[in-house]
Protein backbone atom coordinates (compact mmCIF):
# COMPACT_ATOMS: atom_id res chain seq x y z
CA MET A 1 -11.93 4.77 -5.99
CA ALA A 2 -8.37 5.87 -5.32
CA SER A 3 -5.43 6.65 -7.58
CA VAL A 4 -2.46 4.60 -6.44
CA LEU A 5 1.18 4.93 -7.48
CA ILE A 6 3.25 1.79 -6.86
CA THR A 7 7.01 1.52 -7.33
CA GLY A 8 8.80 -1.64 -8.40
CA THR A 9 5.93 -3.34 -10.22
CA SER A 10 7.89 -5.49 -12.66
CA SER A 11 7.59 -8.57 -10.44
CA GLY A 12 6.84 -9.89 -6.96
CA ILE A 13 4.88 -7.86 -4.44
CA GLY A 14 4.71 -4.75 -6.65
CA PHE A 15 3.32 -6.73 -9.59
CA ALA A 16 0.74 -8.45 -7.36
CA THR A 17 -0.25 -5.19 -5.69
CA ALA A 18 -0.81 -3.42 -9.00
CA LEU A 19 -3.19 -6.18 -10.10
CA GLU A 20 -4.92 -6.36 -6.71
CA CYS A 21 -5.67 -2.64 -6.64
CA ALA A 22 -6.63 -2.37 -10.30
CA ARG A 23 -8.97 -5.37 -10.14
CA ALA A 24 -10.67 -3.64 -7.20
CA GLY A 25 -11.34 -0.63 -9.42
CA HIS A 26 -8.54 1.71 -8.34
CA THR A 27 -6.51 3.62 -10.91
CA VAL A 28 -2.94 2.36 -10.73
CA PHE A 29 0.22 4.09 -11.87
CA ALA A 30 2.52 1.06 -12.05
CA THR A 31 6.12 2.20 -12.16
CA MET A 32 9.31 0.33 -12.92
CA ARG A 33 12.85 1.14 -13.94
CA ASN A 34 12.63 -0.33 -17.44
CA PRO A 35 9.10 -1.20 -18.65
CA ALA A 36 10.44 -2.61 -21.93
CA ARG A 37 12.19 -5.41 -20.02
CA ALA A 38 9.06 -6.38 -18.06
CA PRO A 39 6.05 -6.20 -20.38
CA GLN A 40 3.94 -8.79 -18.53
CA LEU A 41 1.99 -6.37 -16.36
CA GLY A 42 1.07 -4.12 -19.27
CA GLU A 43 -0.02 -7.10 -21.37
CA LEU A 44 -2.17 -8.45 -18.54
CA ALA A 45 -3.72 -5.04 -17.92
CA LYS A 46 -4.63 -4.72 -21.58
CA ARG A 47 -6.10 -8.21 -21.72
CA GLU A 48 -8.24 -7.66 -18.61
CA ARG A 49 -8.93 -3.99 -19.41
CA LEU A 50 -7.60 -2.90 -16.06
CA PRO A 51 -7.05 0.76 -15.09
CA ILE A 52 -3.26 0.46 -15.03
CA GLU A 53 -0.87 2.99 -16.54
CA ILE A 54 2.75 1.84 -16.87
CA ARG A 55 5.25 4.58 -16.07
CA THR A 56 9.05 4.69 -16.08
CA LEU A 57 10.53 5.42 -12.67
CA ASP A 58 14.02 4.74 -11.34
CA VAL A 59 13.83 5.42 -7.60
CA ASP A 60 17.64 5.74 -7.48
CA SER A 61 17.48 8.91 -9.59
CA ASP A 62 16.33 12.32 -8.38
CA GLU A 63 15.63 13.33 -11.97
CA SER A 64 13.61 10.22 -12.79
CA VAL A 65 11.47 10.60 -9.67
CA ARG A 66 10.88 14.27 -10.36
CA ASP A 67 9.93 13.66 -14.00
CA CYS A 68 7.58 10.79 -13.19
CA PHE A 69 5.61 12.62 -10.53
CA ARG A 70 5.46 15.84 -12.56
CA GLY A 71 4.07 13.84 -15.48
CA ILE A 72 1.02 12.73 -13.48
CA SER A 73 -1.60 15.46 -13.40
CA LYS A 74 -4.16 13.45 -11.46
CA PRO A 75 -3.88 13.67 -7.64
CA ILE A 76 -2.22 10.62 -6.11
CA ASP A 77 -4.28 9.31 -3.21
CA ALA A 78 -1.86 6.56 -2.16
CA LEU A 79 1.85 5.99 -2.69
CA VAL A 80 3.16 2.45 -2.25
CA ASN A 81 6.94 2.39 -1.87
CA ASN A 82 7.74 -1.17 -2.89
CA ALA A 83 10.84 -0.92 -5.11
CA GLY A 84 13.72 -2.76 -3.52
CA VAL A 85 16.82 -4.84 -4.04
CA GLU A 86 18.21 -7.78 -2.06
CA CYS A 87 21.81 -7.94 -0.95
CA HIS A 88 23.41 -10.59 1.23
CA GLY A 89 26.89 -11.43 2.34
CA SER A 90 29.17 -10.74 5.28
CA VAL A 91 30.07 -7.19 6.25
CA GLU A 92 33.74 -7.91 5.61
CA GLU A 93 33.34 -9.55 2.22
CA LEU A 94 30.77 -7.34 0.52
CA PRO A 95 32.10 -4.35 -1.45
CA MET A 96 31.27 -0.90 -0.17
CA GLU A 97 29.14 -0.31 -3.24
CA ALA A 98 26.76 -3.05 -2.07
CA PHE A 99 25.95 -1.07 1.06
CA VAL A 100 25.59 2.22 -0.83
CA SER A 101 23.41 0.86 -3.65
CA THR A 102 21.12 -1.10 -1.31
CA MET A 103 20.52 1.93 0.89
CA ASN A 104 20.02 4.14 -2.17
CA THR A 105 17.21 1.96 -3.55
CA ASN A 106 15.49 0.57 -0.48
CA TYR A 107 15.65 3.64 1.75
CA LEU A 108 16.55 6.79 -0.18
CA GLY A 109 14.39 5.67 -3.12
CA ALA A 110 11.37 5.67 -0.84
CA VAL A 111 12.34 9.04 0.63
CA ARG A 112 12.63 10.54 -2.86
CA CYS A 113 9.11 9.40 -3.74
CA ILE A 114 7.70 10.57 -0.40
CA LYS A 115 9.17 14.03 -0.90
CA ALA A 116 7.76 14.14 -4.44
CA VAL A 117 4.19 13.26 -3.41
CA LEU A 118 3.88 15.10 -0.08
CA PRO A 119 3.36 18.70 -1.23
CA ARG A 120 0.15 17.85 -3.09
CA MET A 121 -1.08 15.53 -0.36
CA ARG A 122 -0.42 18.17 2.28
CA GLU A 123 -2.22 20.83 0.26
CA ALA A 124 -5.20 18.50 -0.26
CA ARG A 125 -5.04 17.47 3.42
CA LYS A 126 -5.44 13.81 2.57
CA GLY A 127 -3.42 10.87 1.35
CA CYS A 128 -1.81 7.59 2.28
CA ILE A 129 1.84 6.51 2.14
CA ILE A 130 2.52 2.77 2.42
CA ASN A 131 6.11 1.62 2.81
CA ILE A 132 6.89 -2.03 2.12
CA ALA A 133 9.51 -2.87 4.73
CA SER A 134 10.08 -6.40 6.03
CA VAL A 135 10.42 -8.40 9.21
CA ALA A 136 14.08 -7.82 8.32
CA GLY A 137 13.44 -4.21 9.26
CA ARG A 138 13.06 -5.34 12.87
CA ILE A 139 15.22 -8.48 13.00
CA ALA A 140 18.88 -8.10 12.01
CA CYS A 141 21.13 -11.06 11.34
CA SER A 142 24.01 -12.08 9.11
CA PRO A 143 24.27 -12.34 6.14
CA PHE A 144 21.69 -9.64 5.46
CA GLY A 145 23.55 -6.58 6.77
CA PRO A 146 22.95 -4.11 3.91
CA TYR A 147 19.33 -5.21 3.47
CA ASN A 148 18.63 -5.11 7.22
CA ALA A 149 20.16 -1.65 7.48
CA SER A 150 18.04 -0.29 4.63
CA LYS A 151 14.81 -1.74 6.02
CA PHE A 152 15.58 -0.59 9.57
CA ALA A 153 16.08 2.89 8.11
CA LEU A 154 12.76 2.68 6.23
CA GLU A 155 10.98 1.69 9.44
CA ALA A 156 12.54 4.62 11.28
CA ILE A 157 11.71 7.27 8.69
CA SER A 158 8.16 5.90 8.48
CA GLU A 159 7.67 6.45 12.22
CA VAL A 160 9.04 9.97 11.93
CA LEU A 161 6.87 10.72 8.92
CA ALA A 162 3.70 9.37 10.53
CA GLY A 163 3.94 11.93 13.31
CA GLU A 164 4.80 14.78 10.96
CA VAL A 165 1.94 14.31 8.52
CA LYS A 166 -0.95 13.15 10.70
CA PRO A 167 -2.00 16.78 11.39
CA PHE A 168 -2.51 17.06 7.60
CA ASN A 169 -4.74 13.95 7.56
CA ILE A 170 -2.09 11.89 5.75
CA ARG A 171 -1.80 8.27 6.86
CA VAL A 172 1.45 6.31 6.94
CA ALA A 173 1.61 2.51 7.09
CA ILE A 174 4.49 0.05 7.25
CA VAL A 175 3.93 -3.41 5.77
CA GLU A 176 6.32 -6.10 7.03
CA PRO A 177 6.31 -9.26 4.88
CA GLY A 178 7.87 -12.44 6.20
CA MET A 179 9.28 -14.98 3.76
CA GLN A 180 7.24 -14.74 0.57
CA ASP A 181 7.75 -16.38 -2.79
CA THR A 182 9.43 -13.65 -4.81
CA LYS A 183 12.40 -13.57 -7.14
CA MET A 184 14.46 -11.88 -4.44
CA ALA A 185 13.67 -14.60 -1.91
CA ARG A 186 14.49 -17.37 -4.39
CA GLU A 187 17.90 -15.81 -5.04
CA LEU A 188 18.77 -16.37 -1.38
CA GLU A 189 18.66 -20.13 -1.89
CA ASN A 190 22.01 -19.97 -3.71
CA PRO A 191 24.84 -19.14 -1.29
CA VAL A 192 27.98 -17.30 -2.32
CA PRO A 193 31.37 -18.61 -1.13
CA SER A 194 32.19 -17.10 2.26
CA ALA A 195 34.47 -17.40 5.25
CA TYR A 196 31.40 -16.86 7.43
CA ALA A 197 29.11 -19.75 8.34
CA GLN A 198 25.90 -17.68 8.36
CA VAL A 199 25.85 -17.39 4.55
CA PRO A 200 25.24 -21.07 3.67
CA ARG A 201 23.08 -21.58 6.78
CA TRP A 202 20.51 -19.04 5.69
CA ALA A 203 20.56 -20.33 2.13
CA GLY A 204 19.38 -23.63 3.55
CA PHE A 205 16.78 -21.90 5.70
CA PHE A 206 15.26 -20.16 2.70
CA ARG A 207 15.40 -23.35 0.64
CA VAL A 208 13.28 -25.33 3.10
CA ALA A 209 11.02 -22.41 4.06
CA LEU A 210 10.14 -21.75 0.43
CA ALA A 211 9.17 -25.39 -0.08
CA ASN A 212 5.77 -24.22 1.22
CA PRO A 213 5.71 -20.78 -0.38
CA VAL A 214 3.59 -17.83 0.68
CA PRO A 215 2.57 -15.91 -2.47
CA PRO A 216 3.17 -12.14 -2.82
CA GLU A 217 -0.59 -11.71 -3.20
CA THR A 218 -0.70 -12.06 0.60
CA THR A 219 0.95 -8.66 0.95
CA ALA A 220 -0.96 -7.19 -2.00
CA THR A 221 -4.25 -7.87 -0.21
CA ILE A 222 -3.01 -6.06 2.90
CA VAL A 223 -1.95 -3.04 0.84
CA ARG A 224 -5.37 -2.80 -0.81
CA HIS A 225 -7.02 -2.98 2.61
CA ILE A 226 -4.89 -0.08 3.84
CA VAL A 227 -5.70 2.00 0.75
CA GLU A 228 -9.43 1.39 1.17
CA SER A 229 -9.60 1.82 4.93
CA ASP A 230 -9.40 4.88 7.15
CA THR A 231 -7.23 3.17 9.78
CA TRP A 232 -4.30 4.89 11.45
CA GLN A 233 -2.61 1.60 12.33
CA LEU A 234 1.12 1.95 11.68
CA ARG A 235 2.48 -1.60 11.25
CA TYR A 236 1.09 -4.58 9.35
CA PRO A 237 3.04 -7.86 9.54
CA SER A 238 2.28 -9.89 6.40
CA GLY A 239 2.18 -13.64 6.03
CA PRO A 240 1.75 -16.52 8.47
CA ASP A 241 5.38 -16.43 9.61
CA ALA A 242 5.75 -12.68 10.18
CA VAL A 243 4.34 -12.39 13.70
CA PRO A 244 5.95 -15.65 14.89
CA PHE A 245 9.33 -14.40 13.61
CA LEU A 246 8.93 -11.08 15.42
CA ASN A 247 7.79 -12.77 18.64
CA TRP A 248 10.65 -15.28 18.40
CA ARG A 249 13.23 -12.46 18.27
CA ALA A 250 11.44 -10.51 21.02
CA GLY A 251 11.72 -13.57 23.26
CA MET A 252 15.52 -13.28 23.35
CA THR A 253 17.80 -10.75 24.97
CA ASP A 254 20.21 -8.96 22.65
CA GLU A 255 23.05 -11.08 24.01
CA GLN A 256 21.12 -14.30 23.42
CA TRP A 257 20.42 -13.15 19.87
CA VAL A 258 24.11 -12.57 19.18
CA ASP A 259 24.99 -15.93 20.70
CA TRP A 260 22.36 -17.67 18.56
CA SER A 261 23.91 -16.28 15.38
CA ALA A 262 27.39 -17.27 16.59
CA LEU A 263 26.54 -20.93 17.30
CA ASP A 264 28.55 -23.61 15.55
CA ASP A 265 26.89 -25.21 12.55
CA GLU A 266 25.37 -28.28 14.15
CA ALA A 267 24.04 -26.37 17.16
CA TRP A 268 22.52 -23.74 14.85
CA TYR A 269 20.80 -26.31 12.65
CA GLU A 270 19.46 -28.09 15.73
CA ARG A 271 18.03 -24.84 17.08
CA VAL A 272 16.35 -24.06 13.75
CA GLN A 273 14.81 -27.52 13.65
CA SER A 274 13.66 -27.17 17.27
CA ASP A 275 12.29 -23.61 16.93
CA PHE A 276 10.82 -23.79 13.40
CA GLY A 277 10.50 -27.46 12.54
CA LEU A 278 12.79 -26.93 9.55
CA ASP A 279 15.80 -29.03 8.59
CA ALA A 280 17.99 -26.39 6.96
CA ARG A 281 21.10 -28.55 6.74
CA PRO A 282 22.81 -28.73 3.34
CA LYS A 283 21.17 -31.28 1.09
CA THR A 284 24.21 -33.57 1.10
CA SER A 285 24.31 -33.63 4.90
CA ALA A 286 20.57 -34.23 5.18
CA ALA A 287 20.80 -37.13 2.71
CA SER A 288 23.62 -38.75 4.58
């Protein structure tokens, strides 16, 4: 059995992954920024007598990362970088802080944890680093600029890292969830006022897509498989829509992709209905 450290376990994919790994017999260090505000995982672990230790870890903080990893004497066999934040809005309208904070959590937070765990993994000549990216790390569209940028960066550093650490028998994997039923995804259903049409369009897309939700346990199962396997596969799309999304984008030229995003409202909604079978029009328009 492995010892697995997972970031961002207060809800969503991190929460599901902690339970998935612990129920399989692995020792889990479940970390979150403020355990007192999210006691559910600890209560469930106690009730089921699962091998889960709750630890405080703020991936935005060098000091917090350093203290957390130093406080774990047991070797960490697998690191799952899951902690993340969602940010959406147009490039013009979002404050600069939105770009900085999203990159700090989703990208630099993972890098901090990787740097903290690597020396012991390299010395032991074994280990596994799993980075939870997204199909949004390979498909960029408004209004997800800061989030796309952070996940693209995570994909890039994962590729770099995989080549660096393979000689030390350390595996790197990128998991790319599609639309899954998490708190972050649900927040996208509520558009913010904007001068840009893409903001309300994608709110409608998420609203209808999440009417048939894919649970975060879908990704948790993939993570456990990676931990337990000896595969060197780099990328793992997660969920029934992930590969279709990636293939859909790959089927367009860059110019066609830009033009698709720039369509007028009715043409865009028609394309979504044609390509995905989803009526993402605002509820009032659909009713009329």
